[in-house]
Amino acid sequence: QVLLVESGGGLVQAGDSLKLSCAASGTIFSGYTMGWFRQAPGNKREFIAAIDWSSGNTSYPNSVKGRFTISRDNAQNTVFLQMNSLKPEDTAVYYCAARSKTQALTISFWEAYGFWGRGTQVTVSS
């Protein structure tokens, strides 16, 4: 059973930085892409970053490129999301997810991810 547990969320001011963690367990993640999504009230779940567990290749949408960085620690089985220059519009619940590489849907589709954490709240005040 794959288990993903996010941590590191909180209340920060605009311009601050925050680093989220996702502790992963239950399988060999070399066969997975790990993603971060976020969802604000009334909005769709939004793709914000992904990393290939084996190669370390990363992908970001333009909305966060240059501000957010995804990384992983193989020894700790943990994925991180470093968020810099935070804006009030970054306020959302942030989710960690795992997508099998056998999945046909591309990494930006939340439907491609079969395993999800419970999320961690990030609130950015102006």
Protein backbone atom coordinates (compact mmCIF):
# COMPACT_ATOMS: atom_id res chain seq x y z
CA GLN A 1 0.00 0.00 0.00
CA VAL A 2 1.45 3.31 -1.11
CA LEU A 3 1.37 5.97 1.57
CA LEU A 4 2.14 9.64 0.98
CA VAL A 5 2.27 12.10 3.86
CA GLU A 6 2.74 15.81 3.27
CA SER A 7 4.11 18.28 5.80
CA GLY A 8 5.52 21.78 5.98
CA GLY A 9 2.50 23.90 5.20
CA GLY A 10 1.60 26.98 7.19
CA LEU A 11 0.82 30.68 7.22
CA VAL A 12 3.41 32.97 5.64
CA GLN A 13 3.56 36.48 4.26
CA ALA A 14 3.84 37.43 0.62
CA GLY A 15 7.44 37.17 -0.53
CA ASP A 16 8.33 34.48 2.00
CA SER A 17 9.53 30.97 1.24
CA LEU A 18 8.22 27.60 2.36
CA LYS A 19 9.43 24.04 1.84
CA LEU A 20 6.95 21.18 1.70
CA SER A 21 7.87 17.56 2.21
CA CYS A 22 6.20 14.36 1.08
CA ALA A 23 7.26 11.18 2.86
CA ALA A 24 6.59 8.20 0.61
CA SER A 25 6.39 4.52 1.49
CA GLY A 26 4.91 1.24 0.34
CA THR A 27 6.55 0.58 -3.00
CA ILE A 28 9.68 1.00 -5.07
CA PHE A 29 9.29 4.50 -6.40
CA SER A 30 11.78 4.19 -9.25
CA GLY A 31 8.81 3.24 -11.38
CA TYR A 32 6.91 6.39 -10.52
CA THR A 33 6.66 10.06 -11.29
CA MET A 34 5.96 12.16 -8.22
CA GLY A 35 3.83 15.24 -8.53
CA TRP A 36 2.66 18.21 -6.52
CA PHE A 37 -0.78 19.67 -7.09
CA ARG A 38 -2.72 22.37 -5.33
CA GLN A 39 -6.37 23.21 -4.97
CA ALA A 40 -7.91 26.42 -3.73
CA PRO A 41 -11.59 26.63 -2.73
CA GLY A 42 -13.79 26.68 -5.80
CA ASN A 43 -10.90 25.92 -8.14
CA LYS A 44 -9.81 22.84 -10.03
CA ARG A 45 -6.85 20.80 -8.85
CA GLU A 46 -3.82 22.42 -10.46
CA PHE A 47 -0.57 20.76 -11.49
CA ILE A 48 2.47 22.62 -10.17
CA ALA A 49 5.46 20.26 -10.37
CA ALA A 50 6.60 16.74 -11.16
CA ILE A 51 9.80 14.74 -10.88
CA ASP A 52 10.81 11.41 -12.35
CA TRP A 53 11.99 9.42 -9.38
CA SER A 54 14.71 7.61 -11.34
CA SER A 55 16.14 10.30 -13.58
CA GLY A 56 15.34 13.37 -11.51
CA ASN A 57 13.90 15.12 -14.55
CA THR A 58 11.47 17.84 -13.55
CA SER A 59 8.53 19.65 -15.07
CA TYR A 60 6.63 22.81 -14.11
CA PRO A 61 3.80 24.91 -15.50
CA ASN A 62 4.61 28.52 -16.39
CA SER A 63 2.64 29.76 -13.38
CA VAL A 64 5.32 28.57 -10.94
CA LYS A 65 8.41 28.09 -13.09
CA GLY A 66 11.34 29.93 -11.56
CA ARG A 67 9.71 30.19 -8.12
CA PHE A 68 9.04 26.55 -7.21
CA THR A 69 11.53 23.70 -7.23
CA ILE A 70 10.76 20.01 -6.83
CA SER A 71 13.42 17.59 -5.64
CA ARG A 72 13.72 14.17 -4.07
CA ASP A 73 15.90 12.35 -1.59
CA ASN A 74 16.17 8.72 -2.58
CA ALA A 75 17.64 7.64 0.74
CA GLN A 76 14.77 9.18 2.70
CA ASN A 77 12.08 8.34 0.12
CA THR A 78 10.99 11.95 0.35
CA VAL A 79 9.95 14.50 -2.24
CA PHE A 80 10.26 18.20 -1.56
CA LEU A 81 8.70 21.35 -2.96
CA GLN A 82 10.66 24.52 -2.34
CA MET A 83 8.44 27.56 -2.85
CA ASN A 84 9.96 31.02 -3.07
CA SER A 85 8.51 34.50 -3.55
CA LEU A 86 5.12 33.30 -2.43
CA LYS A 87 2.04 35.25 -3.47
CA PRO A 88 -1.46 35.38 -1.97
CA GLU A 89 -2.71 33.50 -5.04
CA ASP A 90 -0.50 30.56 -4.03
CA THR A 91 -2.87 29.96 -1.12
CA ALA A 92 -4.27 26.44 -1.44
CA VAL A 93 -4.13 22.92 -0.13
CA TYR A 94 -1.02 21.27 -1.58
CA TYR A 95 -1.08 17.58 -2.42
CA CYS A 96 1.65 15.09 -3.16
CA ALA A 97 0.82 12.33 -5.65
CA ALA A 98 2.42 9.31 -7.30
CA ARG A 99 1.92 8.29 -10.92
CA SER A 100 3.02 4.95 -12.28
CA LYS A 101 5.12 5.29 -15.43
CA THR A 102 2.82 2.77 -17.08
CA GLN A 103 0.06 5.38 -16.93
CA ALA A 104 -0.81 6.76 -20.35
CA LEU A 105 -2.04 10.16 -19.18
CA THR A 106 0.63 12.83 -19.02
CA ILE A 107 2.06 14.13 -15.77
CA SER A 108 0.04 17.35 -15.71
CA PHE A 109 -3.29 15.53 -15.43
CA TRP A 110 -4.34 14.81 -11.86
CA GLU A 111 -6.24 11.79 -13.18
CA ALA A 112 -2.90 10.20 -14.06
CA TYR A 113 -1.94 9.85 -10.40
CA GLY A 114 -3.18 6.82 -8.54
CA PHE A 115 -1.96 7.68 -5.06
CA TRP A 116 -2.47 10.86 -3.08
CA GLY A 117 -1.60 12.32 0.25
CA ARG A 118 -4.13 14.14 2.40
CA GLY A 119 -2.67 17.55 1.64
CA THR A 120 -1.15 20.39 3.61
CA GLN A 121 -2.56 23.91 3.80
CA VAL A 122 -0.47 26.83 2.59
CA THR A 123 -1.80 30.31 3.29
CA VAL A 124 -0.03 33.41 2.01
CA SER A 125 -1.12 36.72 3.46
CA SER A 126 -0.69 40.01 1.63
